[in-house]
Protein backbone atom coordinates (compact mmCIF):
# COMPACT_ATOMS: atom_id res chain seq x y z
CA MET A 1 -32.87 -12.16 -51.55
CA LYS A 2 -33.19 -8.18 -50.54
CA ARG A 3 -33.98 -9.72 -47.21
CA ALA A 4 -31.03 -11.76 -46.90
CA VAL A 5 -28.68 -8.89 -47.96
CA ILE A 6 -29.99 -6.62 -45.78
CA CYS A 7 -29.28 -9.28 -42.59
CA PHE A 8 -25.88 -9.88 -44.22
CA LEU A 9 -25.15 -6.24 -43.78
CA LEU A 10 -26.41 -6.13 -40.31
CA VAL A 11 -24.39 -8.67 -39.37
CA SER A 12 -21.53 -7.30 -40.91
CA VAL A 13 -22.32 -4.01 -39.05
CA VAL A 14 -23.13 -5.67 -35.62
CA SER A 15 -20.63 -8.63 -35.45
CA PRO A 16 -16.95 -6.64 -34.71
CA GLY A 17 -18.49 -4.84 -32.10
CA PHE A 18 -20.72 -8.23 -30.68
CA ILE A 19 -18.01 -10.30 -31.08
CA HIS A 20 -15.88 -7.92 -28.94
CA ALA A 21 -18.56 -7.65 -26.11
CA GLN A 22 -18.59 -11.20 -25.94
CA SER A 23 -15.00 -12.23 -25.57
CA LYS A 24 -13.53 -11.79 -22.29
CA LEU A 25 -10.84 -8.93 -21.64
CA SER A 26 -7.72 -10.98 -20.28
CA ALA A 27 -6.64 -10.08 -16.83
CA LYS A 28 -2.99 -10.34 -17.86
CA TRP A 29 -0.86 -7.48 -18.68
CA GLU A 30 1.14 -9.07 -21.23
CA GLU A 31 -1.74 -10.98 -23.11
CA LEU A 32 -3.33 -7.73 -23.80
CA THR A 33 -3.29 -5.22 -27.23
CA ALA A 34 -2.99 -1.50 -26.41
CA ALA A 35 -6.65 -0.69 -27.15
CA ASP A 36 -7.47 -3.33 -24.72
CA PHE A 37 -5.11 -1.91 -22.25
CA ARG A 38 -6.85 1.07 -22.16
CA GLU A 39 -10.44 -1.04 -21.47
CA ALA A 40 -8.52 -2.86 -18.92
CA ILE A 41 -7.56 0.21 -17.11
CA GLN A 42 -10.93 1.50 -17.08
CA LEU A 43 -12.70 -2.22 -16.11
CA SER A 44 -10.26 -2.36 -13.29
CA LYS A 45 -10.57 1.22 -11.91
CA GLY A 46 -7.04 1.50 -12.25
CA THR A 47 -6.60 -1.29 -9.50
CA CYS A 48 -3.95 -3.74 -10.66
CA LEU A 49 -1.84 -6.45 -8.90
CA LEU A 50 1.67 -6.86 -8.86
CA PRO A 51 2.25 -11.02 -8.15
CA PHE A 52 5.73 -11.06 -6.62
CA GLY A 53 7.38 -14.35 -6.20
CA ILE A 54 11.04 -15.26 -5.88
CA LEU A 55 13.23 -18.14 -7.59
CA GLU A 56 14.84 -20.21 -4.99
CA LYS A 57 15.13 -23.95 -4.46
CA HIS A 58 11.72 -25.69 -2.57
CA GLY A 59 13.29 -28.60 -1.28
CA PRO A 60 14.08 -31.57 -3.62
CA HIS A 61 10.59 -31.94 -5.06
CA LEU A 62 9.22 -28.27 -6.09
CA PRO A 63 10.30 -26.08 -8.59
CA LEU A 64 12.60 -23.01 -8.40
CA GLY A 65 9.51 -20.96 -9.01
CA THR A 66 7.07 -22.28 -6.75
CA ASP A 67 6.37 -18.87 -5.18
CA LEU A 68 5.87 -17.02 -8.36
CA LEU A 69 3.84 -19.64 -9.41
CA ASN A 70 1.74 -20.01 -6.77
CA VAL A 71 1.12 -16.41 -6.18
CA ARG A 72 0.38 -15.46 -10.19
CA HIS A 73 -2.23 -18.85 -9.72
CA ALA A 74 -4.17 -17.09 -6.94
CA SER A 75 -4.30 -13.54 -8.39
CA ALA A 76 -5.48 -14.91 -11.96
CA GLN A 77 -8.28 -16.80 -10.22
CA ALA A 78 -9.06 -13.86 -8.03
CA THR A 79 -9.71 -11.68 -10.89
CA LEU A 80 -11.88 -14.09 -12.47
CA GLN A 81 -14.54 -12.89 -9.70
CA GLU A 82 -13.54 -9.25 -9.29
CA TYR A 83 -11.55 -7.74 -12.52
CA ALA A 84 -7.97 -6.45 -12.16
CA LEU A 85 -4.95 -6.04 -14.08
CA VAL A 86 -1.77 -8.50 -13.36
CA PHE A 87 1.16 -7.63 -14.08
CA PRO A 88 3.82 -9.83 -15.70
CA GLN A 89 5.95 -12.23 -13.71
CA TYR A 90 7.93 -10.58 -10.77
CA TYR A 91 10.38 -12.27 -9.19
CA PHE A 92 13.08 -9.52 -7.86
CA GLY A 93 12.63 -9.70 -4.19
CA GLN A 94 14.78 -10.95 -1.07
CA ILE A 95 16.50 -14.26 -0.99
CA PHE A 96 20.26 -13.93 0.31
CA GLU A 97 19.80 -17.14 2.56
CA ALA A 98 19.33 -19.45 -0.26
CA LYS A 99 22.59 -18.39 -2.42
CA HIS A 100 24.12 -21.46 -1.53
CA GLU A 101 21.45 -23.36 -3.50
CA PRO A 102 21.43 -23.86 -7.17
CA GLY A 103 18.94 -22.14 -9.34
CA THR A 104 18.66 -18.83 -6.46
CA VAL A 105 18.68 -15.28 -8.05
CA ALA A 106 19.30 -13.17 -5.60
CA TYR A 107 19.35 -9.66 -6.80
CA SER A 108 21.28 -6.79 -4.42
CA MET A 109 19.39 -4.58 -1.79
CA GLU A 110 19.77 -1.25 -3.87
CA LEU A 111 18.70 -3.03 -7.00
CA GLN A 112 15.79 -4.28 -5.32
CA LEU A 113 14.24 -1.25 -3.90
CA LYS A 114 15.25 0.65 -7.33
CA LEU A 115 13.56 -1.68 -9.57
CA LEU A 116 10.42 -2.21 -7.58
CA GLN A 117 10.07 1.39 -7.31
CA GLU A 118 10.39 2.14 -11.01
CA THR A 119 7.88 -0.80 -11.68
CA THR A 120 5.39 0.57 -9.75
CA ASP A 121 6.29 4.02 -11.06
CA GLU A 122 5.72 2.91 -14.67
CA MET A 123 2.46 0.77 -13.62
CA ALA A 124 1.07 4.41 -12.41
CA ARG A 125 2.28 6.04 -15.51
CA ASN A 126 0.11 3.49 -17.45
CA GLY A 127 -3.05 3.72 -15.32
CA CYS A 128 -2.59 2.08 -12.24
CA LYS A 129 -3.19 4.34 -9.32
CA LYS A 130 -3.86 1.56 -7.20
CA ILE A 131 -1.22 -0.90 -7.07
CA VAL A 132 -1.68 -4.21 -4.83
CA ILE A 133 1.47 -6.22 -4.16
CA VAL A 134 0.80 -9.66 -3.65
CA ASN A 135 3.37 -11.34 -1.81
CA GLY A 136 4.14 -15.06 -2.48
CA HIS A 137 7.41 -15.46 -0.76
CA GLY A 138 7.94 -15.36 3.02
CA GLY A 139 11.68 -13.71 2.33
CA ASN A 140 9.65 -10.63 1.50
CA GLU A 141 7.72 -10.03 4.54
CA HIS A 142 9.97 -7.29 5.84
CA LEU A 143 11.07 -6.06 2.44
CA LEU A 144 7.47 -5.16 1.01
CA PRO A 145 6.10 -3.25 4.44
CA PHE A 146 9.32 -1.37 4.32
CA PHE A 147 8.90 -0.50 0.52
CA ALA A 148 5.29 0.70 0.82
CA GLN A 149 6.69 3.10 3.97
CA SER A 150 9.34 4.26 2.04
CA GLN A 151 6.37 5.87 -0.49
CA LEU A 152 5.95 8.36 2.14
CA ASP A 153 9.53 9.91 1.03
CA ARG A 154 8.27 11.35 -1.60
CA PRO A 155 4.57 12.40 -3.32
CA HIS A 156 3.20 10.29 -5.86
CA GLU A 157 0.09 9.93 -7.57
CA TYR A 158 -0.47 6.77 -6.32
CA VAL A 159 -0.96 3.95 -3.56
CA VAL A 160 0.75 1.21 -2.83
CA TYR A 161 -0.83 -1.68 -0.82
CA VAL A 162 0.70 -4.65 0.49
CA LEU A 163 -1.23 -8.12 0.74
CA ASP A 164 0.66 -11.00 2.62
CA GLY A 165 0.83 -14.38 0.97
CA GLU A 166 0.04 -17.96 1.52
CA ARG A 167 0.28 -19.34 4.99
CA SER A 168 -1.27 -21.83 6.93
CA ARG A 169 -5.14 -21.45 7.94
CA PRO A 170 -7.18 -22.67 10.37
CA GLY A 171 -9.66 -25.21 9.78
CA GLY A 172 -9.58 -27.41 6.57
CA PRO A 173 -8.41 -30.81 6.10
CA PRO A 174 -6.38 -32.25 9.02
CA LYS A 175 -2.69 -31.91 8.45
CA LYS A 176 -0.54 -34.97 8.50
CA SER A 177 2.72 -33.56 9.39
CA THR A 178 3.02 -32.12 13.11
CA GLY A 179 6.53 -30.55 12.99
CA ILE A 180 7.25 -26.84 11.25
CA ASP A 181 6.26 -26.32 8.21
CA TYR A 182 7.59 -23.26 6.94
CA HIS A 183 9.27 -23.84 3.49
CA ALA A 184 8.03 -26.83 0.93
CA GLY A 185 6.15 -28.32 3.42
CA GLU A 186 3.08 -29.85 3.80
CA ASN A 187 1.22 -26.48 2.90
CA GLU A 188 3.34 -25.27 0.15
CA THR A 189 3.74 -28.52 -1.53
CA SER A 190 -0.03 -28.80 -1.36
CA ASN A 191 -0.74 -25.66 -2.98
CA THR A 192 1.24 -26.42 -5.77
CA MET A 193 -0.09 -29.54 -6.52
CA VAL A 194 -3.19 -27.14 -7.40
CA SER A 195 -1.24 -24.80 -9.14
CA ARG A 196 1.22 -26.95 -10.92
CA PRO A 197 0.88 -30.29 -10.16
CA ASP A 198 2.55 -31.60 -13.25
CA LEU A 199 6.27 -29.91 -11.84
CA VAL A 200 5.30 -31.57 -8.08
CA HIS A 201 7.70 -34.68 -7.42
CA LEU A 202 6.17 -36.07 -4.62
CA GLU A 203 8.14 -39.10 -4.64
CA ARG A 204 11.42 -36.94 -4.30
CA ALA A 205 10.33 -35.04 -1.20
CA ALA A 206 11.47 -37.33 1.20
CA SER A 207 15.01 -37.73 -0.19
CA GLU A 208 16.14 -34.55 2.19
CA SER A 209 15.60 -33.54 5.57
CA GLY A 210 13.18 -30.79 6.25
CA SER A 211 13.78 -30.67 9.76
CA ASP A 212 15.06 -27.99 12.22
CA GLN A 213 18.95 -28.53 12.42
CA LYS A 214 18.91 -25.96 15.72
CA ARG A 215 22.67 -25.32 14.93
CA ALA A 216 22.47 -21.78 16.88
CA ASN A 217 21.51 -21.23 20.29
CA LEU A 218 20.23 -17.90 20.48
CA PRO A 219 16.91 -16.21 22.38
CA ALA A 220 13.79 -16.21 20.23
CA ASP A 221 13.67 -12.53 20.34
CA VAL A 222 17.39 -12.18 19.17
CA TYR A 223 17.57 -11.97 15.45
CA THR A 224 20.57 -12.70 12.91
CA GLY A 225 20.58 -12.74 9.24
CA ILE A 226 22.23 -16.46 9.48
CA TRP A 227 19.11 -17.82 11.57
CA TRP A 228 17.67 -19.52 8.48
CA TYR A 229 20.67 -21.20 7.41
CA ALA A 230 21.75 -22.11 11.19
CA ARG A 231 17.94 -23.88 11.27
CA PHE A 232 17.23 -25.00 7.51
CA PRO A 233 20.74 -25.57 5.44
CA ASN A 234 18.47 -27.97 3.12
CA HIS A 235 16.43 -24.78 2.45
CA TYR A 236 13.56 -27.08 3.19
CA SER A 237 11.62 -27.04 6.25
CA GLY A 238 8.52 -29.29 6.69
CA GLU A 239 7.26 -32.83 5.40
CA GLY A 240 6.29 -32.10 1.74
CA SER A 241 5.62 -36.17 1.26
CA ALA A 242 2.67 -35.52 3.49
CA ALA A 243 1.08 -32.90 0.89
CA THR A 244 -2.53 -33.29 -0.13
CA ARG A 245 -4.44 -31.53 -3.28
CA GLU A 246 -7.30 -31.31 -0.71
CA LEU A 247 -5.45 -29.25 1.30
CA GLY A 248 -3.94 -27.07 -1.32
CA GLU A 249 -7.29 -26.44 -2.45
CA TRP A 250 -8.60 -25.71 1.21
CA ASN A 251 -5.36 -23.14 1.20
CA MET A 252 -5.91 -21.83 -2.33
CA ASN A 253 -9.56 -21.03 -2.40
CA HIS A 254 -9.06 -18.91 1.13
CA TRP A 255 -6.15 -17.26 -0.61
CA ILE A 256 -7.92 -16.31 -3.43
CA ALA A 257 -10.73 -15.08 -1.41
CA ASP A 258 -8.28 -12.87 0.67
CA ILE A 259 -7.23 -11.44 -2.69
CA VAL A 260 -10.60 -10.67 -3.94
CA GLU A 261 -11.24 -8.95 -1.11
CA ALA A 262 -8.36 -6.97 -1.05
CA ILE A 263 -9.04 -5.89 -4.78
CA ARG A 264 -12.63 -4.99 -3.48
CA ALA A 265 -11.71 -3.21 -0.73
CA VAL A 266 -8.91 -1.33 -2.45
CA LYS A 267 -11.09 -0.32 -5.28
CA ALA A 268 -13.65 1.19 -2.57
CA ASP A 269 -10.61 3.22 -0.87
CA ASP A 270 -11.55 6.61 -1.86
CA GLN A 271 -9.29 8.11 1.44
CA SER A 272 -5.48 6.69 0.91
CA LEU A 273 -4.34 8.76 -1.96
CA LYS A 274 -6.24 11.98 -0.23
CA LEU A 275 -4.47 11.29 3.15
CA GLN A 276 -1.03 10.74 1.45
CA ASN A 277 -1.47 14.17 -0.75
CA GLU A 278 -1.75 16.02 2.56
CA PHE A 279 0.83 14.32 4.53
CA TYR A 280 3.00 15.26 1.99
CA GLU A 281 2.49 19.00 1.87
CA LYS A 282 2.21 19.05 5.96
CA SER A 283 5.45 17.30 5.70
CA LYS A 284 7.05 19.93 3.50
CA HIS A 285 6.53 22.88 6.55
CA PRO A 286 6.24 20.48 9.59
CA LEU A 287 6.59 23.71 11.79
CA ASP A 288 2.76 25.09 10.77
CA THR A 289 1.19 21.91 11.47
CA ARG A 290 -1.29 22.62 13.91
CA PRO A 291 -2.99 19.47 16.88
């Protein structure tokens, strides 16, 4: 009887810590308690992911949040291999070219930049000293490098890194489509068949054309903002009907591996913040800078 009581007391004392040690700490910011958040920052070494999607039409067969769903899936899977804290759903990017389609949410350029700056500032205030923006939307390909470059305008106690998003990769299962595959086509549809297969309506994919309409005749090196609408007025580029889960798994696995590699590299990076601080000091007095 005495032995049983002692065992019970030991279990009572040990169990809370033991159970906590055995439970897996979520990587998702919104799922953590305040106490767990503190532990997550320590475990991640201050390395946090900001998966960046958008809300826009994706052909006639994919959900409006395709980019957001795919980038969050890849990011979440990557943190199972290398822990980092993942910021909640973020879709406040550049998508002016899709404003003519239902469901598109396009914020002003001023708000996009201000919100992104305040978001990274708040992430840093909460311990995220290394912020990796994982891009899941092609329309952000110019916005995000510009944002990262703009961090040199004033001192920060953190570093912003940008990792480009999903794109066709060499190798893997042979593709069925032979034409352009930019948006909601074979690759992106295949990827969504992995991240959210329940939201893919493959039977609708051929109900609209995803071909290049070629309605503007300009040299390849001459840019105009209306280029996308001129070529793809349906906001659809490619053949979504050609998608396969096999191709999606190939793409996703490589994307996840890229994110894992980025997390590890960023965690090991002990130079970028030092160089930023050095740059800021020199930028105050450029005439004092010596070769």
